[in-house]
Amino acid sequence: MTALLWPTNVSSNIPIVTFHSWILLRLPNQLPFSMNQKKFVKNSKNHRHVFLTLAILIHTAVVFNWLLEQWWYPAEHVAPTWNFVFMYYCITLFSGVMVFVIHLTYLKEEVIFLLNSAQKVEQDLNMKGGNLESEVNCPIKYLRTYRTLEILSTMQNSVLRQPFMPTLVGGVTVCQTWTLYIVITGTSLVPVPALLLSLGVATEMFLVIMGPFRMIANPFVKSTELLKSLRRLNNSRWIQRFVRSCQPSKLTLGDGKFFDRATFLLVWRKSIDFLISFLLM
């Protein structure tokens, strides 16, 4: 049972998420929730809707004006290839953000409850971390904790269902591809501000794929290892049946699949495949 002791020196993902959420929510906030005393609460400020509506109208007007110029007056406005790629990148990014904001607004109660529940479970486990050695002969407490985490995992998949997760993964993949295309092919043609923006976005998308997308697979990896350890123990038949009924924690991708060890590599390979296809066109 010593292999099951909660390691107090192991890093957790919750502080990372909380820290970045604190920074994000200190910016002009378009999300339906904010942070108050280290807890997520509803954002009841009316100006949020004004800023959001204004941003939607401005982006829609710019994109619509560009499309009209290209479709109605093609001979007078012949744009280079990188311009098309850059505009489609903007459309993809804006569409993804809109899906993100609408989804979180529609499920704001569930999102707030999920975030606060995750923090509460983290705090409870950290408080019990030093006392788990006294519970070696009582594996039922571990099983209760795992059941709680199973419920939390189910809540997570319920909140991050379609179209949120497919839009997130697909948007990151496409943005990575198009910004890399601009950086590779348009060095001598693209204006410096657009080139720097593309380089910055390409770097950020790469970090998202190699960082958060890799970190999201941790629940599946760690829960699988924990269940294997529990099955190896010489417990009663009831506990063995209980352990067999437990499932690994899986974060859905929205298409029936889930994040595992290799998902971030598959996303990166898909973006590179798209990039090669565009370069050969």
Protein backbone atom coordinates (compact mmCIF):
# COMPACT_ATOMS: atom_id res chain seq x y z
CA MET A 1 0.00 0.00 0.00
CA THR A 2 2.98 2.31 0.34
CA ALA A 3 2.95 2.75 -3.43
CA LEU A 4 -0.46 4.38 -3.06
CA LEU A 5 0.58 7.11 -0.62
CA TRP A 6 -0.20 10.57 -1.90
CA PRO A 7 3.19 12.11 -2.82
CA THR A 8 3.25 15.53 -1.27
CA ASN A 9 6.19 16.66 -3.40
CA VAL A 10 4.57 15.87 -6.74
CA SER A 11 3.56 18.91 -8.76
CA SER A 12 -0.11 19.51 -9.46
CA ASN A 13 -1.88 21.02 -12.45
CA ILE A 14 -4.41 22.95 -10.36
CA PRO A 15 -2.02 25.78 -9.29
CA ILE A 16 -0.95 26.22 -12.93
CA VAL A 17 -4.56 26.55 -14.09
CA THR A 18 -5.42 28.88 -11.21
CA PHE A 19 -2.42 31.14 -11.84
CA HIS A 20 -3.10 31.51 -15.56
CA SER A 21 -6.82 32.00 -14.88
CA TRP A 22 -5.95 34.78 -12.43
CA ILE A 23 -3.87 36.55 -15.10
CA LEU A 24 -6.52 36.03 -17.79
CA LEU A 25 -9.36 37.28 -15.64
CA ARG A 26 -7.43 40.45 -14.74
CA LEU A 27 -7.46 41.42 -18.44
CA PRO A 28 -10.58 42.94 -20.09
CA ASN A 29 -12.73 39.94 -19.27
CA GLN A 30 -15.19 38.58 -21.84
CA LEU A 31 -15.82 35.36 -19.93
CA PRO A 32 -19.02 34.77 -17.92
CA PHE A 33 -17.09 34.22 -14.68
CA SER A 34 -14.35 35.87 -12.66
CA MET A 35 -12.21 35.06 -9.63
CA ASN A 36 -12.98 36.33 -6.13
CA GLN A 37 -10.98 35.24 -3.05
CA LYS A 38 -9.44 32.31 -4.97
CA LYS A 39 -12.86 31.08 -6.06
CA PHE A 40 -14.59 31.30 -9.42
CA VAL A 41 -17.85 33.29 -9.35
CA LYS A 42 -20.30 34.67 -11.88
CA ASN A 43 -19.27 37.78 -13.75
CA SER A 44 -22.27 40.07 -13.40
CA LYS A 45 -20.69 43.17 -14.94
CA ASN A 46 -22.88 44.55 -17.70
CA HIS A 47 -20.00 46.10 -19.65
CA ARG A 48 -18.77 42.61 -20.49
CA HIS A 49 -21.68 42.17 -22.90
CA VAL A 50 -21.05 45.60 -24.43
CA PHE A 51 -17.38 44.86 -25.12
CA LEU A 52 -18.20 41.42 -26.46
CA THR A 53 -20.89 42.71 -28.80
CA LEU A 54 -18.62 45.51 -30.03
CA ALA A 55 -15.78 43.06 -30.70
CA ILE A 56 -18.13 40.79 -32.65
CA LEU A 57 -19.41 43.65 -34.80
CA ILE A 58 -15.92 45.02 -35.57
CA HIS A 59 -14.43 41.64 -36.51
CA THR A 60 -17.48 40.73 -38.58
CA ALA A 61 -17.33 44.05 -40.46
CA VAL A 62 -13.62 43.71 -41.26
CA VAL A 63 -13.90 40.13 -42.49
CA PHE A 64 -17.09 40.82 -44.45
CA ASN A 65 -15.55 43.88 -46.13
CA TRP A 66 -12.48 41.88 -47.18
CA LEU A 67 -14.60 39.04 -48.58
CA LEU A 68 -16.74 41.48 -50.58
CA GLU A 69 -13.65 43.09 -52.10
CA GLN A 70 -12.27 39.70 -53.15
CA TRP A 71 -15.51 38.26 -54.51
CA TRP A 72 -17.15 41.30 -56.10
CA TYR A 73 -14.04 43.05 -57.45
CA PRO A 74 -11.49 40.26 -58.05
CA ALA A 75 -9.68 42.11 -60.83
CA GLU A 76 -9.12 45.27 -58.77
CA HIS A 77 -8.05 43.53 -55.55
CA VAL A 78 -5.63 40.71 -56.38
CA ALA A 79 -4.21 39.74 -53.01
CA PRO A 80 -1.07 37.61 -52.59
CA THR A 81 -1.39 34.09 -51.25
CA TRP A 82 -0.09 34.99 -47.81
CA ASN A 83 -2.89 37.57 -47.49
CA PHE A 84 -5.52 34.89 -48.07
CA VAL A 85 -3.83 32.58 -45.57
CA PHE A 86 -3.57 35.35 -42.99
CA MET A 87 -7.22 36.33 -43.38
CA TYR A 88 -8.41 32.74 -43.11
CA TYR A 89 -6.27 32.40 -39.99
CA CYS A 90 -8.07 35.42 -38.52
CA ILE A 91 -11.45 33.94 -39.44
CA THR A 92 -10.53 30.61 -37.83
CA LEU A 93 -9.23 32.26 -34.68
CA PHE A 94 -12.26 34.52 -34.33
CA SER A 95 -14.71 31.65 -34.98
CA GLY A 96 -12.97 29.49 -32.39
CA VAL A 97 -13.04 32.24 -29.79
CA MET A 98 -16.74 32.81 -30.45
CA VAL A 99 -17.52 29.11 -29.94
CA PHE A 100 -15.41 29.20 -26.76
CA VAL A 101 -17.21 32.23 -25.29
CA ILE A 102 -20.72 31.10 -26.29
CA HIS A 103 -20.14 27.60 -24.93
CA LEU A 104 -18.84 28.87 -21.59
CA THR A 105 -21.66 31.41 -21.34
CA TYR A 106 -24.29 28.75 -21.99
CA LEU A 107 -22.72 26.41 -19.41
CA LYS A 108 -21.42 29.03 -16.97
CA GLU A 109 -23.04 27.40 -13.93
CA GLU A 110 -21.48 24.03 -14.77
CA VAL A 111 -18.08 25.58 -15.57
CA ILE A 112 -17.92 27.48 -12.26
CA PHE A 113 -19.00 24.39 -10.30
CA LEU A 114 -16.39 22.26 -12.11
CA LEU A 115 -13.52 24.68 -11.48
CA ASN A 116 -14.37 25.15 -7.82
CA SER A 117 -14.86 21.39 -7.32
CA ALA A 118 -11.44 20.66 -8.83
CA GLN A 119 -9.81 23.14 -6.47
CA LYS A 120 -11.71 21.71 -3.48
CA VAL A 121 -10.59 18.15 -4.26
CA GLU A 122 -7.01 19.35 -4.66
CA GLN A 123 -7.06 21.16 -1.33
CA ASP A 124 -8.61 18.21 0.50
CA LEU A 125 -6.03 15.78 -0.87
CA ASN A 126 -3.15 18.10 0.01
CA MET A 127 -4.47 18.46 3.57
CA LYS A 128 -4.67 14.66 3.96
CA GLY A 129 -1.32 14.07 2.28
CA GLY A 130 0.67 13.94 5.48
CA ASN A 131 -1.80 11.62 7.23
CA LEU A 132 -2.26 8.98 4.55
CA GLU A 133 0.37 6.69 6.10
CA SER A 134 -2.04 6.04 8.96
CA GLU A 135 -4.64 4.83 6.45
CA VAL A 136 -2.56 2.01 4.97
CA ASN A 137 -4.87 -0.63 6.40
CA CYS A 138 -8.00 1.14 5.17
CA PRO A 139 -7.99 1.06 1.36
CA ILE A 140 -11.69 1.93 1.25
CA LYS A 141 -10.75 5.58 1.82
CA TYR A 142 -8.63 5.53 -1.32
CA LEU A 143 -11.52 4.03 -3.24
CA ARG A 144 -13.89 6.74 -2.02
CA THR A 145 -11.42 9.38 -3.14
CA TYR A 146 -11.13 7.74 -6.54
CA ARG A 147 -14.91 7.65 -6.89
CA THR A 148 -14.94 11.38 -6.22
CA LEU A 149 -12.35 11.88 -8.95
CA GLU A 150 -14.44 9.73 -11.31
CA ILE A 151 -17.41 12.04 -10.74
CA LEU A 152 -15.16 15.04 -11.36
CA SER A 153 -13.94 13.47 -14.61
CA THR A 154 -17.53 12.88 -15.73
CA MET A 155 -18.37 16.52 -14.97
CA GLN A 156 -15.34 17.62 -16.96
CA ASN A 157 -16.36 15.66 -20.04
CA SER A 158 -19.92 16.94 -19.69
CA VAL A 159 -18.75 20.57 -19.68
CA LEU A 160 -16.08 20.16 -22.39
CA ARG A 161 -18.34 18.32 -24.78
CA GLN A 162 -18.95 19.18 -28.42
CA PRO A 163 -18.35 21.62 -29.96
CA PHE A 164 -15.88 22.95 -27.37
CA MET A 165 -13.08 20.37 -27.45
CA PRO A 166 -13.12 19.65 -31.23
CA THR A 167 -13.08 23.41 -31.87
CA LEU A 168 -10.17 23.89 -29.46
CA VAL A 169 -8.01 21.10 -30.89
CA GLY A 170 -8.93 21.87 -34.50
CA GLY A 171 -8.42 25.61 -34.06
CA VAL A 172 -4.97 25.17 -32.52
CA THR A 173 -3.99 22.75 -35.31
CA VAL A 174 -5.16 25.04 -38.12
CA CYS A 175 -3.69 28.21 -36.57
CA GLN A 176 -0.36 26.43 -36.13
CA THR A 177 -0.40 25.34 -39.78
CA TRP A 178 -1.33 28.68 -41.33
CA THR A 179 1.03 30.79 -39.23
CA LEU A 180 3.92 28.43 -40.01
CA TYR A 181 3.01 28.69 -43.69
CA ILE A 182 3.24 32.49 -43.55
CA VAL A 183 6.56 32.39 -41.69
CA ILE A 184 8.11 29.88 -44.11
CA THR A 185 6.85 31.21 -47.45
CA GLY A 186 6.34 34.94 -46.90
CA THR A 187 9.59 36.13 -45.33
CA SER A 188 10.33 38.54 -48.20
CA LEU A 189 6.70 39.42 -48.99
CA VAL A 190 4.85 39.73 -45.71
CA PRO A 191 5.00 43.08 -43.84
CA VAL A 192 7.12 42.95 -40.71
CA PRO A 193 4.18 43.39 -38.25
CA ALA A 194 2.23 40.53 -39.85
CA LEU A 195 5.35 38.36 -39.96
CA LEU A 196 6.12 39.00 -36.29
CA LEU A 197 2.50 38.29 -35.36
CA SER A 198 2.57 35.01 -37.30
CA LEU A 199 5.85 34.01 -35.70
CA GLY A 200 4.49 34.78 -32.23
CA VAL A 201 1.26 32.85 -32.83
CA ALA A 202 3.14 29.88 -34.31
CA THR A 203 5.38 29.77 -31.24
CA GLU A 204 2.40 30.05 -28.89
CA MET A 205 0.47 27.29 -30.67
CA PHE A 206 3.54 25.06 -30.51
CA LEU A 207 3.79 25.66 -26.74
CA VAL A 208 0.06 24.91 -26.35
CA ILE A 209 0.45 21.59 -28.16
CA MET A 210 3.59 20.57 -26.29
CA GLY A 211 2.43 21.95 -22.92
CA PRO A 212 -1.30 21.93 -22.02
CA PHE A 213 -2.22 19.23 -24.56
CA ARG A 214 0.46 17.00 -23.04
CA MET A 215 -0.58 17.90 -19.49
CA ILE A 216 -4.23 17.04 -20.21
CA ALA A 217 -3.23 13.40 -20.67
CA ASN A 218 -1.95 13.16 -17.06
CA PRO A 219 -5.31 12.10 -15.51
CA PHE A 220 -5.53 9.09 -17.83
CA VAL A 221 -1.90 8.08 -17.32
CA LYS A 222 -1.93 8.51 -13.53
CA SER A 223 -5.34 6.90 -13.00
CA THR A 224 -4.32 3.89 -15.09
CA GLU A 225 -1.18 3.43 -12.98
CA LEU A 226 -3.21 3.79 -9.76
CA LEU A 227 -5.77 1.17 -10.80
CA LYS A 228 -3.02 -1.26 -11.76
CA SER A 229 -1.45 -0.78 -8.31
CA LEU A 230 -4.79 -1.39 -6.59
CA ARG A 231 -5.39 -4.58 -8.58
CA ARG A 232 -2.00 -5.96 -7.54
CA LEU A 233 -2.85 -5.67 -3.83
CA ASN A 234 -4.11 -8.65 -1.85
CA ASN A 235 -7.49 -7.21 -0.87
CA SER A 236 -10.87 -8.73 -0.14
CA ARG A 237 -13.10 -9.89 -2.98
CA TRP A 238 -15.43 -6.94 -2.49
CA ILE A 239 -12.57 -4.47 -2.90
CA GLN A 240 -11.28 -6.34 -5.95
CA ARG A 241 -14.72 -6.17 -7.57
CA PHE A 242 -14.94 -2.49 -6.67
CA VAL A 243 -11.57 -1.79 -8.28
CA ARG A 244 -12.59 -3.65 -11.44
CA SER A 245 -15.64 -1.39 -11.69
CA CYS A 246 -13.45 1.74 -11.67
CA GLN A 247 -12.51 3.28 -15.00
CA PRO A 248 -9.45 5.41 -15.86
CA SER A 249 -10.04 9.14 -15.94
CA LYS A 250 -10.35 10.21 -19.58
CA LEU A 251 -10.73 13.69 -21.05
CA THR A 252 -12.72 13.41 -24.24
CA LEU A 253 -11.65 14.82 -27.59
CA GLY A 254 -15.30 15.12 -28.61
CA ASP A 255 -15.20 12.44 -31.32
CA GLY A 256 -15.27 9.34 -29.14
CA LYS A 257 -11.51 9.45 -28.53
CA PHE A 258 -9.66 10.86 -25.54
CA PHE A 259 -6.34 12.42 -24.58
CA ASP A 260 -3.52 9.94 -23.93
CA ARG A 261 0.28 10.01 -23.92
CA ALA A 262 0.58 10.39 -27.70
CA THR A 263 -2.27 12.82 -28.40
CA PHE A 264 -0.09 15.95 -28.40
CA LEU A 265 2.27 14.28 -30.90
CA LEU A 266 -0.66 13.34 -33.14
CA VAL A 267 -1.93 16.94 -33.10
CA TRP A 268 1.54 18.24 -33.98
CA ARG A 269 1.92 15.67 -36.77
CA LYS A 270 -1.48 16.63 -38.19
CA SER A 271 -0.52 20.32 -38.33
CA ILE A 272 2.77 19.44 -40.06
CA ASP A 273 0.91 17.22 -42.57
CA PHE A 274 -1.41 20.14 -43.38
CA LEU A 275 1.59 22.45 -43.73
CA ILE A 276 3.33 20.10 -46.16
CA SER A 277 0.12 19.81 -48.20
CA PHE A 278 -0.18 23.61 -48.45
CA LEU A 279 3.49 24.00 -49.40
CA LEU A 280 3.10 21.48 -52.22
CA MET A 281 0.01 23.19 -53.67
